[in-house]
Amino acid sequence: MNNKKNILIVAFGVLLVVVGFFCLAQGPAENPVSLTVAPLILAFAYLVVVPVGILWGGKKKNGN
């Protein structure tokens, strides 16, 4: 069950990366979307969402 949650979080991170690169490719270089929004989305995806999806442990049940 925990493995499914990890996969969903990493998939959400990959989706954010795709959206970030799409925003980065918009318009001229002076476009506010490509200058501010895209780097924020990419940084959040690479530095927060993907690592949380990889490292998320959850509670382990004790056999005793």
PDB file of N, CA and C in Angstrom:
ATOM      1  N   MET A   1       0.827  -1.195   0.000  1.00  0.00           N
ATOM      2  CA  MET A   1       0.000   0.000   0.000  1.00  0.00           C
ATOM      3  C   MET A   1       0.867   1.252   0.000  1.00  0.00           C
ATOM      4  N   ASN A   2       1.922   1.254   0.790  1.00  0.00           N
ATOM      5  CA  ASN A   2       2.807   2.408   0.837  1.00  0.00           C
ATOM      6  C   ASN A   2       3.515   2.624  -0.493  1.00  0.00           C
ATOM      7  N   ASN A   3       3.842   1.526  -1.166  1.00  0.00           N
ATOM      8  CA  ASN A   3       4.534   1.617  -2.438  1.00  0.00           C
ATOM      9  C   ASN A   3       3.684   2.360  -3.467  1.00  0.00           C
ATOM     10  N   LYS A   4       2.381   2.161  -3.428  1.00  0.00           N
ATOM     11  CA  LYS A   4       1.475   2.836  -4.361  1.00  0.00           C
ATOM     12  C   LYS A   4       1.475   4.345  -4.107  1.00  0.00           C
ATOM     13  N   LYS A   5       1.514   4.743  -2.831  1.00  0.00           N
ATOM     14  CA  LYS A   5       1.547   6.152  -2.482  1.00  0.00           C
ATOM     15  C   LYS A   5       2.845   6.803  -2.973  1.00  0.00           C
ATOM     16  N   ASN A   6       3.960   6.085  -2.839  1.00  0.00           N
ATOM     17  CA  ASN A   6       5.245   6.606  -3.315  1.00  0.00           C
ATOM     18  C   ASN A   6       5.216   6.823  -4.829  1.00  0.00           C
ATOM     19  N   ILE A   7       4.662   5.874  -5.539  1.00  0.00           N
ATOM     20  CA  ILE A   7       4.602   5.988  -6.993  1.00  0.00           C
ATOM     21  C   ILE A   7       3.732   7.176  -7.401  1.00  0.00           C
ATOM     22  N   LEU A   8       2.626   7.388  -6.706  1.00  0.00           N
ATOM     23  CA  LEU A   8       1.757   8.520  -7.029  1.00  0.00           C
ATOM     24  C   LEU A   8       2.453   9.860  -6.752  1.00  0.00           C
ATOM     25  N   ILE A   9       3.203   9.943  -5.665  1.00  0.00           N
ATOM     26  CA  ILE A   9       3.900  11.188  -5.344  1.00  0.00           C
ATOM     27  C   ILE A   9       4.990  11.466  -6.377  1.00  0.00           C
ATOM     28  N   VAL A  10       5.746  10.444  -6.755  1.00  0.00           N
ATOM     29  CA  VAL A  10       6.789  10.628  -7.770  1.00  0.00           C
ATOM     30  C   VAL A  10       6.159  10.968  -9.121  1.00  0.00           C
ATOM     31  N   ALA A  11       5.036  10.352  -9.457  1.00  0.00           N
ATOM     32  CA  ALA A  11       4.350  10.669 -10.715  1.00  0.00           C
ATOM     33  C   ALA A  11       3.867  12.118 -10.714  1.00  0.00           C
ATOM     34  N   PHE A  12       3.377  12.593  -9.558  1.00  0.00           N
ATOM     35  CA  PHE A  12       2.985  13.998  -9.446  1.00  0.00           C
ATOM     36  C   PHE A  12       4.199  14.905  -9.633  1.00  0.00           C
ATOM     37  N   GLY A  13       5.338  14.509  -9.097  1.00  0.00           N
ATOM     38  CA  GLY A  13       6.569  15.276  -9.278  1.00  0.00           C
ATOM     39  C   GLY A  13       6.991  15.338 -10.741  1.00  0.00           C
ATOM     40  N   VAL A  14       6.876  14.231 -11.436  1.00  0.00           N
ATOM     41  CA  VAL A  14       7.219  14.202 -12.862  1.00  0.00           C
ATOM     42  C   VAL A  14       6.256  15.084 -13.649  1.00  0.00           C
ATOM     43  N   LEU A  15       4.982  15.064 -13.284  1.00  0.00           N
ATOM     44  CA  LEU A  15       4.007  15.937 -13.930  1.00  0.00           C
ATOM     45  C   LEU A  15       4.365  17.409 -13.704  1.00  0.00           C
ATOM     46  N   LEU A  16       4.775  17.750 -12.490  1.00  0.00           N
ATOM     47  CA  LEU A  16       5.199  19.124 -12.207  1.00  0.00           C
ATOM     48  C   LEU A  16       6.431  19.507 -13.018  1.00  0.00           C
ATOM     49  N   VAL A  17       7.355  18.582 -13.209  1.00  0.00           N
ATOM     50  CA  VAL A  17       8.541  18.854 -14.021  1.00  0.00           C
ATOM     51  C   VAL A  17       8.141  19.136 -15.463  1.00  0.00           C
ATOM     52  N   VAL A  18       7.219  18.357 -15.989  1.00  0.00           N
ATOM     53  CA  VAL A  18       6.752  18.574 -17.365  1.00  0.00           C
ATOM     54  C   VAL A  18       6.064  19.935 -17.483  1.00  0.00           C
ATOM     55  N   VAL A  19       5.222  20.274 -16.522  1.00  0.00           N
ATOM     56  CA  VAL A  19       4.549  21.576 -16.533  1.00  0.00           C
ATOM     57  C   VAL A  19       5.574  22.699 -16.411  1.00  0.00           C
ATOM     58  N   GLY A  20       6.577  22.514 -15.571  1.00  0.00           N
ATOM     59  CA  GLY A  20       7.621  23.532 -15.412  1.00  0.00           C
ATOM     60  C   GLY A  20       8.392  23.771 -16.696  1.00  0.00           C
ATOM     61  N   PHE A  21       8.767  22.705 -17.389  1.00  0.00           N
ATOM     62  CA  PHE A  21       9.486  22.884 -18.650  1.00  0.00           C
ATOM     63  C   PHE A  21       8.583  23.466 -19.731  1.00  0.00           C
ATOM     64  N   PHE A  22       7.293  23.130 -19.696  1.00  0.00           N
ATOM     65  CA  PHE A  22       6.359  23.734 -20.634  1.00  0.00           C
ATOM     66  C   PHE A  22       6.265  25.237 -20.395  1.00  0.00           C
ATOM     67  N   CYS A  23       6.183  25.645 -19.137  1.00  0.00           N
ATOM     68  CA  CYS A  23       6.140  27.075 -18.808  1.00  0.00           C
ATOM     69  C   CYS A  23       7.445  27.764 -19.193  1.00  0.00           C
ATOM     70  N   LEU A  24       8.555  27.056 -19.055  1.00  0.00           N
ATOM     71  CA  LEU A  24       9.857  27.618 -19.396  1.00  0.00           C
ATOM     72  C   LEU A  24       9.973  27.890 -20.896  1.00  0.00           C
ATOM     73  N   ALA A  25       9.284  27.099 -21.695  1.00  0.00           N
ATOM     74  CA  ALA A  25       9.373  27.228 -23.143  1.00  0.00           C
ATOM     75  C   ALA A  25       8.428  28.286 -23.718  1.00  0.00           C
ATOM     76  N   GLN A  26       7.628  28.917 -22.888  1.00  0.00           N
ATOM     77  CA  GLN A  26       6.632  29.874 -23.369  1.00  0.00           C
ATOM     78  C   GLN A  26       7.246  31.217 -23.715  1.00  0.00           C
ATOM     79  N   GLY A  27       6.854  31.715 -24.861  1.00  0.00           N
ATOM     80  CA  GLY A  27       7.102  33.092 -25.247  1.00  0.00           C
ATOM     81  C   GLY A  27       8.555  33.526 -25.271  1.00  0.00           C
ATOM     82  N   PRO A  28       8.739  34.834 -25.316  1.00  0.00           N
ATOM     83  CA  PRO A  28      10.102  35.377 -25.342  1.00  0.00           C
ATOM     84  C   PRO A  28      10.778  35.221 -23.982  1.00  0.00           C
ATOM     85  N   ALA A  29      12.059  35.542 -23.959  1.00  0.00           N
ATOM     86  CA  ALA A  29      12.839  35.377 -22.729  1.00  0.00           C
ATOM     87  C   ALA A  29      12.383  36.330 -21.628  1.00  0.00           C
ATOM     88  N   GLU A  30      11.722  37.435 -21.977  1.00  0.00           N
ATOM     89  CA  GLU A  30      11.273  38.408 -20.980  1.00  0.00           C
ATOM     90  C   GLU A  30       9.914  38.064 -20.389  1.00  0.00           C
ATOM     91  N   ASN A  31       9.333  36.957 -20.799  1.00  0.00           N
ATOM     92  CA  ASN A  31       8.018  36.540 -20.320  1.00  0.00           C
ATOM     93  C   ASN A  31       8.085  36.224 -18.823  1.00  0.00           C
ATOM     94  N   PRO A  32       7.200  36.814 -18.010  1.00  0.00           N
ATOM     95  CA  PRO A  32       7.244  36.539 -16.563  1.00  0.00           C
ATOM     96  C   PRO A  32       7.006  35.076 -16.206  1.00  0.00           C
ATOM     97  N   VAL A  33       6.247  34.379 -17.036  1.00  0.00           N
ATOM     98  CA  VAL A  33       5.993  32.963 -16.753  1.00  0.00           C
ATOM     99  C   VAL A  33       7.288  32.166 -16.867  1.00  0.00           C
ATOM    100  N   SER A  34       8.060  32.437 -17.905  1.00  0.00           N
ATOM    101  CA  SER A  34       9.292  31.678 -18.080  1.00  0.00           C
ATOM    102  C   SER A  34      10.415  32.176 -17.173  1.00  0.00           C
ATOM    103  N   LEU A  35      10.302  33.384 -16.654  1.00  0.00           N
ATOM    104  CA  LEU A  35      11.343  33.910 -15.770  1.00  0.00           C
ATOM    105  C   LEU A  35      11.124  33.588 -14.298  1.00  0.00           C
ATOM    106  N   THR A  36       9.883  33.521 -13.838  1.00  0.00           N
ATOM    107  CA  THR A  36       9.643  33.338 -12.411  1.00  0.00           C
ATOM    108  C   THR A  36       8.848  32.075 -12.083  1.00  0.00           C
ATOM    109  N   VAL A  37       7.760  31.845 -12.780  1.00  0.00           N
ATOM    110  CA  VAL A  37       6.880  30.724 -12.440  1.00  0.00           C
ATOM    111  C   VAL A  37       7.544  29.379 -12.739  1.00  0.00           C
ATOM    112  N   ALA A  38       8.132  29.254 -13.908  1.00  0.00           N
ATOM    113  CA  ALA A  38       8.736  27.982 -14.299  1.00  0.00           C
ATOM    114  C   ALA A  38       9.877  27.562 -13.371  1.00  0.00           C
ATOM    115  N   PRO A  39      10.816  28.449 -13.034  1.00  0.00           N
ATOM    116  CA  PRO A  39      11.871  28.014 -12.097  1.00  0.00           C
ATOM    117  C   PRO A  39      11.329  27.633 -10.721  1.00  0.00           C
ATOM    118  N   LEU A  40      10.288  28.326 -10.251  1.00  0.00           N
ATOM    119  CA  LEU A  40       9.707  27.965  -8.953  1.00  0.00           C
ATOM    120  C   LEU A  40       9.067  26.581  -8.998  1.00  0.00           C
ATOM    121  N   ILE A  41       8.341  26.290 -10.070  1.00  0.00           N
ATOM    122  CA  ILE A  41       7.715  24.973 -10.218  1.00  0.00           C
ATOM    123  C   ILE A  41       8.781  23.885 -10.301  1.00  0.00           C
ATOM    124  N   LEU A  42       9.824  24.128 -11.102  1.00  0.00           N
ATOM    125  CA  LEU A  42      10.870  23.126 -11.268  1.00  0.00           C
ATOM    126  C   LEU A  42      11.640  22.897  -9.967  1.00  0.00           C
ATOM    127  N   ALA A  43      11.959  23.962  -9.258  1.00  0.00           N
ATOM    128  CA  ALA A  43      12.677  23.809  -7.990  1.00  0.00           C
ATOM    129  C   ALA A  43      11.833  23.047  -6.981  1.00  0.00           C
ATOM    130  N   PHE A  44      10.545  23.373  -6.895  1.00  0.00           N
ATOM    131  CA  PHE A  44       9.654  22.675  -5.971  1.00  0.00           C
ATOM    132  C   PHE A  44       9.558  21.194  -6.324  1.00  0.00           C
ATOM    133  N   ALA A  45       9.450  20.891  -7.618  1.00  0.00           N
ATOM    134  CA  ALA A  45       9.319  19.499  -8.039  1.00  0.00           C
ATOM    135  C   ALA A  45      10.594  18.716  -7.764  1.00  0.00           C
ATOM    136  N   TYR A  46      11.752  19.297  -8.129  1.00  0.00           N
ATOM    137  CA  TYR A  46      13.020  18.585  -7.975  1.00  0.00           C
ATOM    138  C   TYR A  46      13.494  18.513  -6.524  1.00  0.00           C
ATOM    139  N   LEU A  47      13.234  19.544  -5.750  1.00  0.00           N
ATOM    140  CA  LEU A  47      13.787  19.605  -4.398  1.00  0.00           C
ATOM    141  C   LEU A  47      12.830  19.130  -3.304  1.00  0.00           C
ATOM    142  N   VAL A  48      11.523  19.089  -3.593  1.00  0.00           N
ATOM    143  CA  VAL A  48      10.572  18.708  -2.551  1.00  0.00           C
ATOM    144  C   VAL A  48       9.774  17.458  -2.948  1.00  0.00           C
ATOM    145  N   VAL A  49       9.045  17.526  -4.039  1.00  0.00           N
ATOM    146  CA  VAL A  49       8.063  16.476  -4.347  1.00  0.00           C
ATOM    147  C   VAL A  49       8.734  15.141  -4.686  1.00  0.00           C
ATOM    148  N   VAL A  50       9.705  15.146  -5.577  1.00  0.00           N
ATOM    149  CA  VAL A  50      10.342  13.882  -5.973  1.00  0.00           C
ATOM    150  C   VAL A  50      11.104  13.254  -4.799  1.00  0.00           C
ATOM    151  N   PRO A  51      11.913  14.012  -4.040  1.00  0.00           N
ATOM    152  CA  PRO A  51      12.569  13.374  -2.878  1.00  0.00           C
ATOM    153  C   PRO A  51      11.579  12.849  -1.832  1.00  0.00           C
ATOM    154  N   VAL A  52      10.491  13.563  -1.594  1.00  0.00           N
ATOM    155  CA  VAL A  52       9.490  13.062  -0.642  1.00  0.00           C
ATOM    156  C   VAL A  52       8.894  11.758  -1.157  1.00  0.00           C
ATOM    157  N   GLY A  53       8.635  11.686  -2.442  1.00  0.00           N
ATOM    158  CA  GLY A  53       8.100  10.449  -3.012  1.00  0.00           C
ATOM    159  C   GLY A  53       9.063   9.286  -2.915  1.00  0.00           C
ATOM    160  N   ILE A  54      10.357   9.571  -3.000  1.00  0.00           N
ATOM    161  CA  ILE A  54      11.351   8.506  -2.904  1.00  0.00           C
ATOM    162  C   ILE A  54      11.572   8.092  -1.450  1.00  0.00           C
ATOM    163  N   LEU A  55      11.628   9.060  -0.556  1.00  0.00           N
ATOM    164  CA  LEU A  55      12.004   8.785   0.827  1.00  0.00           C
ATOM    165  C   LEU A  55      10.839   8.517   1.767  1.00  0.00           C
ATOM    166  N   TRP A  56       9.618   8.666   1.324  1.00  0.00           N
ATOM    167  CA  TRP A  56       8.446   8.500   2.185  1.00  0.00           C
ATOM    168  C   TRP A  56       8.443   7.076   2.733  1.00  0.00           C
ATOM    169  N   GLY A  57       8.433   6.970   4.058  1.00  0.00           N
ATOM    170  CA  GLY A  57       8.518   5.652   4.665  1.00  0.00           C
ATOM    171  C   GLY A  57       7.209   5.141   5.205  1.00  0.00           C
ATOM    172  N   GLY A  58       6.466   5.998   5.863  1.00  0.00           N
ATOM    173  CA  GLY A  58       5.228   5.553   6.474  1.00  0.00           C
ATOM    174  C   GLY A  58       5.487   4.767   7.745  1.00  0.00           C
ATOM    175  N   LYS A  59       4.438   4.305   8.383  1.00  0.00           N
ATOM    176  CA  LYS A  59       4.556   3.540   9.623  1.00  0.00           C
ATOM    177  C   LYS A  59       4.767   2.066   9.299  1.00  0.00           C
ATOM    178  N   LYS A  60       5.695   1.463  10.004  1.00  0.00           N
ATOM    179  CA  LYS A  60       5.922   0.031   9.844  1.00  0.00           C
ATOM    180  C   LYS A  60       5.241  -0.699  10.988  1.00  0.00           C
ATOM    181  N   LYS A  61       4.541  -1.756  10.677  1.00  0.00           N
ATOM    182  CA  LYS A  61       3.839  -2.535  11.700  1.00  0.00           C
ATOM    183  C   LYS A  61       4.815  -3.453  12.407  1.00  0.00           C
ATOM    184  N   ASN A  62       4.709  -3.486  13.710  1.00  0.00           N
ATOM    185  CA  ASN A  62       5.556  -4.335  14.522  1.00  0.00           C
ATOM    186  C   ASN A  62       4.922  -5.721  14.612  1.00  0.00           C
ATOM    187  N   GLY A  63       5.704  -6.759  14.425  1.00  0.00           N
ATOM    188  CA  GLY A  63       5.188  -8.129  14.425  1.00  0.00           C
ATOM    189  C   GLY A  63       4.785  -8.629  15.802  1.00  0.00           C
ATOM    190  N   ASN A  64       5.252  -8.002  16.851  1.00  0.00           N
ATOM    191  CA  ASN A  64       4.960  -8.474  18.211  1.00  0.00           C
ATOM    192  C   ASN A  64       3.680  -7.937  18.739  1.00  0.00           C
TER     193      ASN A  64
END
